[in-house]
Amino acid sequence: MREHLTDPYVRRANTEGYRARAAYKLMEIDERDHLLRPGAVVVDLGAAPGSWCQVAIERCPGGRVFALDLLPMAPVAGVDFLQGDFSDETVLAGFERLLEGRRADLVLSDMAPNISGVATVDQARSVLLCELALDFAVYRLQPDGRFLVKAFQGEGFMEFRREMERRFQTVRVRKPKASRDRSAEVYLLGEGLRG
């Protein structure tokens, strides 16, 4: 708790009005890779509490942001949000209806499983969420769209990365400064969707 309260990114988020320190992870990646553009259609999977939505809506004037999470999320002006389990086909169908046939310029996934405390189980669940997000992105992206997904290094990570490389022409690894050093999380950025 002390670490959280003294974290400079937590303090900055509180001062600047972002809901979580994760906002700075997306900002840093965006500043490097220019993901968020005016008029873009952005999908945010695992959106709660909404800091990535806040960044996306700020940096995509004239665009649309669609968000999904198992957890509730207080409204973010300009964001269309659906609460539900991404792995549930009924919820996914509802999210597809929300999109109304739009193709995304960018699919973001900051999803993480509820932690059980059993490392192998948690890692397997994390990889499964990455795979589900990848399948969604491949199906819903514009041909020149991009996919940014949080993944945890460990069992199954390299296999998932290879699957991304099979689906995208370029896959880059990003470890933003706002990620805690001890965290095994990295972000994989897929560009150039293969036909």
Protein backbone atom coordinates (compact mmCIF):
# COMPACT_ATOMS: atom_id res chain seq x y z
CA MET A 1 0.00 0.00 0.00
CA ARG A 2 2.85 2.37 0.89
CA GLU A 3 4.51 1.67 -2.47
CA HIS A 4 1.26 2.46 -4.26
CA LEU A 5 0.72 5.73 -2.39
CA THR A 6 4.29 6.93 -3.00
CA ASP A 7 4.39 5.82 -6.65
CA PRO A 8 5.13 8.91 -8.80
CA TYR A 9 2.76 7.73 -11.54
CA VAL A 10 -0.08 7.25 -9.04
CA ARG A 11 0.52 10.75 -7.69
CA ARG A 12 0.67 12.17 -11.20
CA ALA A 13 -2.56 10.38 -12.19
CA ASN A 14 -4.31 11.83 -9.12
CA THR A 15 -3.05 15.33 -9.93
CA GLU A 16 -3.83 15.18 -13.65
CA GLY A 17 -7.23 13.52 -13.32
CA TYR A 18 -6.51 10.06 -14.72
CA ARG A 19 -8.20 7.08 -13.13
CA ALA A 20 -5.07 4.92 -12.96
CA ARG A 21 -1.32 5.06 -13.48
CA ALA A 22 -1.82 2.84 -16.55
CA ALA A 23 -2.68 6.01 -18.50
CA TYR A 24 1.03 6.81 -18.67
CA LYS A 25 1.86 3.41 -20.15
CA LEU A 26 -0.42 4.09 -23.10
CA MET A 27 0.79 7.69 -23.43
CA GLU A 28 4.43 6.58 -23.57
CA ILE A 29 3.75 3.91 -26.17
CA ASP A 30 1.62 6.34 -28.19
CA GLU A 31 4.35 8.98 -28.14
CA ARG A 32 6.76 6.43 -29.56
CA ASP A 33 4.49 4.62 -32.02
CA HIS A 34 1.76 7.19 -32.83
CA LEU A 35 -1.16 4.82 -32.26
CA LEU A 36 -3.87 7.36 -31.45
CA ARG A 37 -4.95 9.65 -34.27
CA PRO A 38 -7.79 12.09 -34.97
CA GLY A 39 -10.91 10.30 -36.19
CA ALA A 40 -9.70 6.84 -35.16
CA VAL A 41 -12.00 4.03 -34.07
CA VAL A 42 -10.46 2.53 -30.93
CA VAL A 43 -11.50 -0.61 -29.06
CA ASP A 44 -10.34 -0.92 -25.43
CA LEU A 45 -10.61 -4.45 -24.01
CA GLY A 46 -10.20 -4.71 -20.25
CA ALA A 47 -10.98 -1.02 -19.98
CA ALA A 48 -11.86 -0.52 -16.28
CA PRO A 49 -11.26 1.76 -14.50
CA GLY A 50 -11.03 3.77 -17.73
CA SER A 51 -7.66 5.52 -17.86
CA TRP A 52 -6.84 4.19 -21.34
CA CYS A 53 -10.29 5.37 -22.51
CA GLN A 54 -9.49 8.82 -21.13
CA VAL A 55 -6.22 8.95 -23.07
CA ALA A 56 -7.81 7.56 -26.26
CA ILE A 57 -10.72 10.01 -26.26
CA GLU A 58 -8.33 12.95 -25.66
CA ARG A 59 -5.95 11.93 -28.43
CA CYS A 60 -8.52 10.91 -31.06
CA PRO A 61 -10.66 14.02 -31.62
CA GLY A 62 -13.57 13.18 -33.90
CA GLY A 63 -13.01 9.45 -33.31
CA ARG A 64 -14.94 6.79 -31.42
CA VAL A 65 -13.88 4.70 -28.44
CA PHE A 66 -15.61 1.43 -27.58
CA ALA A 67 -14.77 -0.26 -24.29
CA LEU A 68 -15.48 -3.61 -22.65
CA ASP A 69 -14.70 -4.98 -19.20
CA LEU A 70 -15.93 -7.59 -16.77
CA LEU A 71 -15.84 -4.91 -14.05
CA PRO A 72 -18.09 -1.86 -13.89
CA MET A 73 -16.64 1.42 -15.15
CA ALA A 74 -17.85 4.92 -14.38
CA PRO A 75 -18.80 6.67 -17.62
CA VAL A 76 -16.12 8.44 -19.65
CA ALA A 77 -17.57 11.16 -21.87
CA GLY A 78 -17.60 10.01 -25.49
CA VAL A 79 -16.87 6.34 -24.72
CA ASP A 80 -19.37 3.55 -25.50
CA PHE A 81 -18.95 0.98 -22.71
CA LEU A 82 -20.31 -2.53 -22.28
CA GLN A 83 -19.84 -4.46 -19.05
CA GLY A 84 -19.43 -8.21 -19.43
CA ASP A 85 -17.10 -11.18 -19.74
CA PHE A 86 -15.09 -10.95 -22.97
CA SER A 87 -14.88 -14.76 -23.14
CA ASP A 88 -18.70 -15.05 -23.13
CA GLU A 89 -20.07 -15.35 -26.67
CA THR A 90 -23.29 -13.53 -25.74
CA VAL A 91 -21.33 -10.57 -24.36
CA LEU A 92 -19.07 -10.56 -27.42
CA ALA A 93 -22.14 -10.54 -29.69
CA GLY A 94 -23.49 -7.56 -27.74
CA PHE A 95 -20.18 -5.76 -28.18
CA GLU A 96 -20.26 -6.48 -31.92
CA ARG A 97 -23.72 -4.86 -32.03
CA LEU A 98 -22.34 -1.82 -30.22
CA LEU A 99 -19.68 -1.47 -32.93
CA GLU A 100 -22.39 -1.50 -35.62
CA GLY A 101 -20.07 -3.02 -38.21
CA ARG A 102 -17.24 -0.53 -37.68
CA ARG A 103 -13.70 -1.75 -38.22
CA ALA A 104 -11.16 -0.60 -35.64
CA ASP A 105 -8.04 1.40 -36.38
CA LEU A 106 -6.64 0.26 -33.05
CA VAL A 107 -7.49 -2.57 -30.67
CA LEU A 108 -6.05 -2.18 -27.17
CA SER A 109 -6.02 -4.99 -24.63
CA ASP A 110 -4.92 -4.33 -21.07
CA MET A 111 -6.81 -7.39 -19.83
CA ALA A 112 -5.45 -9.43 -16.95
CA PRO A 113 -7.07 -12.38 -15.18
CA ASN A 114 -8.28 -12.31 -11.61
CA ILE A 115 -5.22 -13.50 -9.72
CA SER A 116 -5.56 -16.89 -8.02
CA GLY A 117 -2.08 -16.86 -6.52
CA VAL A 118 -1.11 -20.02 -8.43
CA ALA A 119 1.48 -18.74 -10.91
CA THR A 120 0.97 -21.41 -13.57
CA VAL A 121 -2.82 -20.99 -13.50
CA ASP A 122 -2.60 -17.19 -13.62
CA GLN A 123 -0.13 -17.28 -16.52
CA ALA A 124 -2.32 -19.71 -18.49
CA ARG A 125 -5.36 -17.47 -17.95
CA SER A 126 -3.36 -14.43 -19.04
CA VAL A 127 -2.25 -16.13 -22.27
CA LEU A 128 -5.83 -17.19 -22.97
CA LEU A 129 -7.02 -13.58 -22.68
CA CYS A 130 -4.23 -12.51 -25.05
CA GLU A 131 -5.31 -15.16 -27.56
CA LEU A 132 -8.96 -14.07 -27.35
CA ALA A 133 -7.96 -10.43 -27.85
CA LEU A 134 -5.79 -11.39 -30.84
CA ASP A 135 -8.64 -13.31 -32.46
CA PHE A 136 -10.93 -10.32 -31.96
CA ALA A 137 -8.34 -7.89 -33.37
CA VAL A 138 -7.68 -9.98 -36.48
CA TYR A 139 -11.42 -10.12 -37.15
CA ARG A 140 -12.27 -6.46 -36.33
CA LEU A 141 -9.22 -4.42 -37.45
CA GLN A 142 -8.92 -2.30 -40.58
CA PRO A 143 -6.27 -3.77 -42.92
CA ASP A 144 -3.80 -1.11 -41.70
CA GLY A 145 -5.03 -1.29 -38.09
CA ARG A 146 -2.83 -2.01 -35.10
CA PHE A 147 -3.12 -4.20 -32.03
CA LEU A 148 -1.53 -3.48 -28.63
CA VAL A 149 -1.81 -6.21 -26.01
CA LYS A 150 -0.49 -6.64 -22.47
CA ALA A 151 1.24 -9.98 -22.01
CA PHE A 152 3.18 -11.48 -19.13
CA GLN A 153 6.50 -13.14 -19.79
CA GLY A 154 6.45 -16.75 -18.72
CA GLU A 155 4.98 -20.06 -19.85
CA GLY A 156 3.22 -19.64 -23.20
CA PHE A 157 4.52 -16.11 -23.85
CA MET A 158 6.87 -17.03 -26.71
CA GLU A 159 4.21 -19.20 -28.34
CA PHE A 160 1.76 -16.29 -28.19
CA ARG A 161 4.36 -13.92 -29.63
CA ARG A 162 4.96 -16.33 -32.52
CA GLU A 163 1.21 -16.44 -33.16
CA MET A 164 1.17 -12.65 -33.31
CA GLU A 165 4.08 -12.75 -35.75
CA ARG A 166 2.06 -15.14 -37.90
CA ARG A 167 -0.85 -12.67 -37.98
CA PHE A 168 1.09 -9.38 -38.29
CA GLN A 169 4.02 -8.34 -40.47
CA THR A 170 5.71 -6.58 -37.55
CA VAL A 171 5.53 -7.31 -33.82
CA ARG A 172 7.36 -5.00 -31.44
CA VAL A 173 7.88 -5.37 -27.69
CA ARG A 174 7.30 -2.32 -25.51
CA LYS A 175 8.10 -1.97 -21.79
CA PRO A 176 7.00 1.53 -20.78
CA LYS A 177 8.73 3.29 -17.90
CA ALA A 178 5.36 3.43 -16.10
CA SER A 179 5.45 -0.40 -15.85
CA ARG A 180 6.95 -1.46 -12.56
CA ASP A 181 10.46 -2.87 -13.00
CA ARG A 182 9.69 -6.09 -11.15
CA SER A 183 6.58 -6.73 -13.27
CA ALA A 184 6.75 -9.42 -15.95
CA GLU A 185 4.33 -7.40 -18.08
CA VAL A 186 5.26 -6.18 -21.51
CA TYR A 187 3.16 -4.88 -24.39
CA LEU A 188 3.23 -6.44 -27.83
CA LEU A 189 2.37 -4.18 -30.74
CA GLY A 190 1.21 -5.82 -33.96
CA GLU A 191 1.27 -3.84 -37.21
CA GLY A 192 0.56 -4.79 -40.80
CA LEU A 193 -2.21 -7.35 -40.59
CA ARG A 194 -1.46 -10.30 -42.84
CA GLY A 195 -4.21 -11.27 -45.26
